[in-house]
Amino acid sequence: MDMIQYNVTINIENDVLEEWMQWMRTEHIPSVMKTGIFLSYRIAELLAPIDPEQEGSTFSFQYFCHSIEDYNRYENEFAPALRAETTAKYGNKIVAFRSIMQIWEEGSAQ
C-alpha cells in the first residue's frame, strides 16, 4: 500500500531548543495526531548540516497518512491553526521547510 509522508524540517535556535522540544512532544505533535489524519510519526535530528555555518539545531518531523486526499484534508482543515500557534509561540526562533512524499517501497535487512 502506498503511503504519504508529510515531512517538516525545522531549524530551531539553541536558546529555546529544550523548551521547544518539550512543547512539540507534549502539545504540538499530540494536536497533529488528534486530527485523525496521520497514522504515525517519527522525529529525527540532523547530525551533520549541509552548511557548516548553520546555527541552531535541525529536526525532521515525519508524519504518515494513507493518501494525498488525507494530507489535503489536514492541510485545509487543521494546518493553518497549528502553524499559527507555532508562529505565535516561537516566531523567528524557528525556520520550517515542508515537503510531501509518496512512499513507493519499504524494505529491511534480510
N, C-alpha and C. Protein backbone atom coordinates (compact mmCIF):
# COMPACT_ATOMS: atom_id res chain seq x y z
N MET A 1 0.84 -1.19 0.00
CA MET A 1 0.00 0.00 0.00
C MET A 1 0.89 1.25 0.00
N ASP A 2 0.60 2.15 -0.91
CA ASP A 2 1.32 3.42 -0.94
C ASP A 2 0.90 4.26 0.25
N MET A 3 1.84 5.05 0.75
CA MET A 3 1.54 5.95 1.85
C MET A 3 2.13 7.31 1.51
N ILE A 4 1.66 8.31 2.22
CA ILE A 4 2.17 9.67 2.07
C ILE A 4 2.95 10.03 3.32
N GLN A 5 4.11 10.63 3.11
CA GLN A 5 4.91 11.15 4.22
C GLN A 5 4.92 12.66 4.12
N TYR A 6 4.44 13.29 5.18
CA TYR A 6 4.49 14.74 5.32
C TYR A 6 5.69 15.03 6.19
N ASN A 7 6.67 15.73 5.65
CA ASN A 7 7.92 15.98 6.34
C ASN A 7 8.03 17.48 6.66
N VAL A 8 8.28 17.79 7.91
CA VAL A 8 8.50 19.17 8.33
C VAL A 8 9.91 19.23 8.91
N THR A 9 10.80 19.93 8.21
CA THR A 9 12.16 20.11 8.68
C THR A 9 12.23 21.48 9.34
N ILE A 10 12.70 21.50 10.58
CA ILE A 10 12.71 22.74 11.36
C ILE A 10 14.10 22.99 11.92
N ASN A 11 14.57 24.21 11.70
CA ASN A 11 15.79 24.67 12.36
C ASN A 11 15.35 25.55 13.51
N ILE A 12 15.86 25.25 14.71
CA ILE A 12 15.46 25.97 15.92
C ILE A 12 16.69 26.55 16.59
N GLU A 13 16.58 27.76 17.08
CA GLU A 13 17.69 28.37 17.81
C GLU A 13 17.93 27.60 19.10
N ASN A 14 19.18 27.41 19.43
CA ASN A 14 19.54 26.57 20.58
C ASN A 14 19.08 27.13 21.91
N ASP A 15 18.87 28.45 22.01
CA ASP A 15 18.47 29.01 23.30
C ASP A 15 17.05 28.63 23.70
N VAL A 16 16.24 28.15 22.76
CA VAL A 16 14.88 27.70 23.09
C VAL A 16 14.67 26.22 22.76
N LEU A 17 15.74 25.53 22.41
CA LEU A 17 15.64 24.15 21.95
C LEU A 17 14.93 23.23 22.94
N GLU A 18 15.37 23.22 24.18
CA GLU A 18 14.80 22.30 25.18
C GLU A 18 13.32 22.59 25.41
N GLU A 19 12.97 23.85 25.61
CA GLU A 19 11.57 24.23 25.82
C GLU A 19 10.72 23.87 24.60
N TRP A 20 11.23 24.19 23.40
CA TRP A 20 10.52 23.91 22.16
C TRP A 20 10.28 22.41 21.98
N MET A 21 11.29 21.59 22.20
CA MET A 21 11.14 20.15 22.02
C MET A 21 10.11 19.59 23.02
N GLN A 22 10.13 20.09 24.23
CA GLN A 22 9.13 19.67 25.23
C GLN A 22 7.73 20.05 24.74
N TRP A 23 7.58 21.26 24.22
CA TRP A 23 6.29 21.71 23.69
C TRP A 23 5.87 20.86 22.50
N MET A 24 6.81 20.55 21.60
CA MET A 24 6.49 19.71 20.44
C MET A 24 5.95 18.36 20.91
N ARG A 25 6.62 17.76 21.87
CA ARG A 25 6.25 16.40 22.32
C ARG A 25 4.95 16.37 23.14
N THR A 26 4.69 17.42 23.91
CA THR A 26 3.53 17.38 24.80
C THR A 26 2.31 18.14 24.26
N GLU A 27 2.52 19.05 23.32
CA GLU A 27 1.42 19.88 22.82
C GLU A 27 1.21 19.72 21.31
N HIS A 28 2.23 20.08 20.53
CA HIS A 28 2.03 20.18 19.08
C HIS A 28 1.80 18.82 18.42
N ILE A 29 2.70 17.87 18.63
CA ILE A 29 2.54 16.56 17.99
C ILE A 29 1.24 15.89 18.43
N PRO A 30 0.89 15.90 19.72
CA PRO A 30 -0.41 15.33 20.09
C PRO A 30 -1.58 16.02 19.37
N SER A 31 -1.50 17.34 19.17
CA SER A 31 -2.55 18.05 18.44
C SER A 31 -2.63 17.59 16.99
N VAL A 32 -1.46 17.42 16.36
CA VAL A 32 -1.44 16.93 14.98
C VAL A 32 -2.04 15.53 14.91
N MET A 33 -1.66 14.67 15.84
CA MET A 33 -2.13 13.28 15.81
C MET A 33 -3.63 13.19 16.14
N LYS A 34 -4.14 14.10 16.96
CA LYS A 34 -5.56 14.10 17.31
C LYS A 34 -6.46 14.47 16.13
N THR A 35 -5.88 15.00 15.06
CA THR A 35 -6.69 15.30 13.88
C THR A 35 -7.26 14.03 13.27
N GLY A 36 -6.64 12.89 13.55
CA GLY A 36 -7.09 11.63 12.99
C GLY A 36 -6.60 11.37 11.58
N ILE A 37 -5.79 12.27 11.06
CA ILE A 37 -5.29 12.14 9.69
C ILE A 37 -4.09 11.19 9.63
N PHE A 38 -3.18 11.34 10.57
CA PHE A 38 -1.91 10.62 10.49
C PHE A 38 -1.94 9.34 11.31
N LEU A 39 -1.26 8.33 10.78
CA LEU A 39 -1.21 7.02 11.40
C LEU A 39 -0.06 6.91 12.40
N SER A 40 1.04 7.58 12.10
CA SER A 40 2.22 7.53 12.95
C SER A 40 3.10 8.73 12.64
N TYR A 41 4.12 8.92 13.47
CA TYR A 41 5.08 9.99 13.24
C TYR A 41 6.45 9.51 13.68
N ARG A 42 7.45 10.28 13.26
CA ARG A 42 8.84 9.99 13.62
C ARG A 42 9.56 11.32 13.77
N ILE A 43 10.47 11.40 14.74
CA ILE A 43 11.32 12.58 14.93
C ILE A 43 12.75 12.16 14.68
N ALA A 44 13.45 12.94 13.86
CA ALA A 44 14.87 12.68 13.59
C ALA A 44 15.64 13.99 13.71
N GLU A 45 16.86 13.90 14.21
CA GLU A 45 17.73 15.07 14.30
C GLU A 45 18.78 14.99 13.21
N LEU A 46 18.99 16.10 12.54
CA LEU A 46 20.03 16.20 11.53
C LEU A 46 21.37 16.32 12.26
N LEU A 47 22.25 15.36 12.04
CA LEU A 47 23.52 15.34 12.77
C LEU A 47 24.62 16.14 12.09
N ALA A 48 24.58 16.21 10.77
CA ALA A 48 25.62 16.92 10.03
C ALA A 48 24.97 17.85 9.02
N PRO A 49 24.83 19.13 9.35
CA PRO A 49 24.19 20.06 8.42
C PRO A 49 25.00 20.21 7.13
N ILE A 50 24.29 20.44 6.05
CA ILE A 50 24.95 20.67 4.76
C ILE A 50 25.82 21.92 4.83
N ASP A 51 25.31 22.94 5.50
CA ASP A 51 26.05 24.20 5.65
C ASP A 51 26.69 24.23 7.03
N PRO A 52 28.02 24.08 7.14
CA PRO A 52 28.66 24.07 8.45
C PRO A 52 28.52 25.38 9.21
N GLU A 53 28.14 26.44 8.52
CA GLU A 53 27.94 27.75 9.17
C GLU A 53 26.55 27.87 9.80
N GLN A 54 25.69 26.89 9.53
CA GLN A 54 24.33 26.94 10.05
C GLN A 54 24.33 26.91 11.56
N GLU A 55 23.56 27.80 12.14
CA GLU A 55 23.43 27.86 13.59
C GLU A 55 22.15 27.15 14.01
N GLY A 56 22.06 26.80 15.26
CA GLY A 56 20.87 26.14 15.77
C GLY A 56 20.91 24.65 15.53
N SER A 57 19.81 24.01 15.82
CA SER A 57 19.66 22.57 15.64
C SER A 57 18.54 22.31 14.65
N THR A 58 18.66 21.22 13.89
CA THR A 58 17.67 20.91 12.85
C THR A 58 17.08 19.54 13.09
N PHE A 59 15.75 19.48 12.98
CA PHE A 59 15.00 18.25 13.19
C PHE A 59 14.04 18.03 12.04
N SER A 60 13.76 16.77 11.78
CA SER A 60 12.75 16.38 10.79
C SER A 60 11.62 15.70 11.54
N PHE A 61 10.41 16.20 11.34
CA PHE A 61 9.21 15.60 11.90
C PHE A 61 8.47 14.96 10.73
N GLN A 62 8.33 13.66 10.76
CA GLN A 62 7.75 12.91 9.66
C GLN A 62 6.42 12.31 10.11
N TYR A 63 5.36 12.67 9.39
CA TYR A 63 4.02 12.19 9.68
C TYR A 63 3.55 11.34 8.50
N PHE A 64 2.88 10.22 8.79
CA PHE A 64 2.50 9.28 7.74
C PHE A 64 0.98 9.12 7.69
N CYS A 65 0.43 9.20 6.46
CA CYS A 65 -1.01 9.01 6.26
C CYS A 65 -1.25 8.14 5.03
N HIS A 66 -2.50 7.72 4.85
CA HIS A 66 -2.84 6.78 3.78
C HIS A 66 -2.80 7.39 2.38
N SER A 67 -3.22 8.65 2.24
CA SER A 67 -3.41 9.17 0.88
C SER A 67 -3.17 10.67 0.81
N ILE A 68 -3.00 11.13 -0.42
CA ILE A 68 -2.84 12.57 -0.64
C ILE A 68 -4.14 13.30 -0.28
N GLU A 69 -5.26 12.63 -0.42
CA GLU A 69 -6.54 13.23 -0.02
C GLU A 69 -6.57 13.47 1.49
N ASP A 70 -6.05 12.49 2.25
CA ASP A 70 -5.96 12.68 3.70
C ASP A 70 -5.07 13.87 4.03
N TYR A 71 -3.90 13.93 3.39
CA TYR A 71 -2.99 15.05 3.63
C TYR A 71 -3.67 16.37 3.28
N ASN A 72 -4.35 16.42 2.12
CA ASN A 72 -5.01 17.67 1.71
C ASN A 72 -6.07 18.09 2.72
N ARG A 73 -6.76 17.12 3.29
CA ARG A 73 -7.74 17.44 4.34
C ARG A 73 -7.04 18.07 5.54
N TYR A 74 -5.91 17.49 5.94
CA TYR A 74 -5.12 18.07 7.05
C TYR A 74 -4.72 19.51 6.70
N GLU A 75 -4.20 19.68 5.51
CA GLU A 75 -3.71 21.00 5.07
C GLU A 75 -4.82 22.04 5.09
N ASN A 76 -6.02 21.65 4.68
CA ASN A 76 -7.14 22.60 4.60
C ASN A 76 -7.83 22.83 5.94
N GLU A 77 -8.00 21.78 6.73
CA GLU A 77 -8.81 21.89 7.94
C GLU A 77 -8.02 22.17 9.21
N PHE A 78 -6.77 21.72 9.28
CA PHE A 78 -6.05 21.77 10.55
C PHE A 78 -4.74 22.56 10.52
N ALA A 79 -4.00 22.47 9.44
CA ALA A 79 -2.65 23.05 9.38
C ALA A 79 -2.60 24.55 9.66
N PRO A 80 -3.50 25.36 9.09
CA PRO A 80 -3.38 26.81 9.33
C PRO A 80 -3.38 27.18 10.82
N ALA A 81 -4.26 26.59 11.60
CA ALA A 81 -4.33 26.93 13.03
C ALA A 81 -3.10 26.41 13.77
N LEU A 82 -2.65 25.21 13.44
CA LEU A 82 -1.48 24.65 14.11
C LEU A 82 -0.22 25.45 13.78
N ARG A 83 -0.09 25.88 12.55
CA ARG A 83 1.07 26.71 12.16
C ARG A 83 1.01 28.07 12.83
N ALA A 84 -0.17 28.65 12.90
CA ALA A 84 -0.32 29.96 13.55
C ALA A 84 0.07 29.88 15.02
N GLU A 85 -0.31 28.79 15.67
CA GLU A 85 0.04 28.61 17.09
C GLU A 85 1.57 28.51 17.25
N THR A 86 2.22 27.79 16.36
CA THR A 86 3.67 27.65 16.42
C THR A 86 4.35 29.00 16.19
N THR A 87 3.88 29.73 15.21
CA THR A 87 4.45 31.04 14.90
C THR A 87 4.26 32.01 16.06
N ALA A 88 3.08 31.99 16.66
CA ALA A 88 2.81 32.88 17.79
C ALA A 88 3.73 32.56 18.97
N LYS A 89 4.05 31.30 19.16
CA LYS A 89 4.85 30.89 20.31
C LYS A 89 6.35 31.08 20.07
N TYR A 90 6.83 30.78 18.85
CA TYR A 90 8.28 30.78 18.61
C TYR A 90 8.75 31.75 17.53
N GLY A 91 7.84 32.36 16.80
CA GLY A 91 8.19 33.42 15.86
C GLY A 91 9.42 33.15 15.02
N ASN A 92 10.38 34.08 15.11
CA ASN A 92 11.58 33.97 14.28
C ASN A 92 12.66 33.07 14.89
N LYS A 93 12.32 32.34 15.94
CA LYS A 93 13.28 31.40 16.54
C LYS A 93 13.35 30.10 15.73
N ILE A 94 12.37 29.90 14.83
CA ILE A 94 12.36 28.69 14.00
C ILE A 94 12.22 29.04 12.53
N VAL A 95 12.74 28.16 11.71
CA VAL A 95 12.54 28.22 10.27
C VAL A 95 12.08 26.83 9.86
N ALA A 96 10.97 26.75 9.12
CA ALA A 96 10.42 25.45 8.75
C ALA A 96 10.38 25.29 7.23
N PHE A 97 10.63 24.08 6.78
CA PHE A 97 10.53 23.70 5.38
C PHE A 97 9.68 22.44 5.33
N ARG A 98 8.65 22.46 4.49
CA ARG A 98 7.72 21.33 4.42
C ARG A 98 7.80 20.64 3.06
N SER A 99 7.64 19.32 3.07
CA SER A 99 7.60 18.56 1.82
C SER A 99 6.65 17.38 1.98
N ILE A 100 6.10 16.95 0.86
CA ILE A 100 5.18 15.83 0.82
C ILE A 100 5.81 14.78 -0.10
N MET A 101 5.85 13.54 0.37
CA MET A 101 6.44 12.47 -0.43
C MET A 101 5.51 11.27 -0.47
N GLN A 102 5.49 10.60 -1.61
CA GLN A 102 4.78 9.34 -1.70
C GLN A 102 5.79 8.23 -1.49
N ILE A 103 5.51 7.35 -0.55
CA ILE A 103 6.40 6.23 -0.27
C ILE A 103 6.05 5.12 -1.25
N TRP A 104 7.01 4.71 -2.03
CA TRP A 104 6.79 3.67 -3.03
C TRP A 104 7.08 2.29 -2.48
N GLU A 105 8.06 2.22 -1.59
CA GLU A 105 8.50 0.91 -1.17
C GLU A 105 9.23 1.02 0.14
N GLU A 106 9.11 0.00 0.96
CA GLU A 106 9.88 -0.10 2.19
C GLU A 106 10.58 -1.44 2.20
N GLY A 107 11.71 -1.49 2.80
CA GLY A 107 12.45 -2.74 2.89
C GLY A 107 13.18 -2.83 4.21
N SER A 108 13.77 -3.96 4.44
CA SER A 108 14.56 -4.14 5.64
C SER A 108 15.70 -5.11 5.34
N ALA A 109 16.67 -5.16 6.22
CA ALA A 109 17.79 -6.07 6.03
C ALA A 109 17.29 -7.51 6.12
N GLN A 110 17.84 -8.35 5.32
CA GLN A 110 17.45 -9.77 5.30
C GLN A 110 18.17 -10.54 6.37
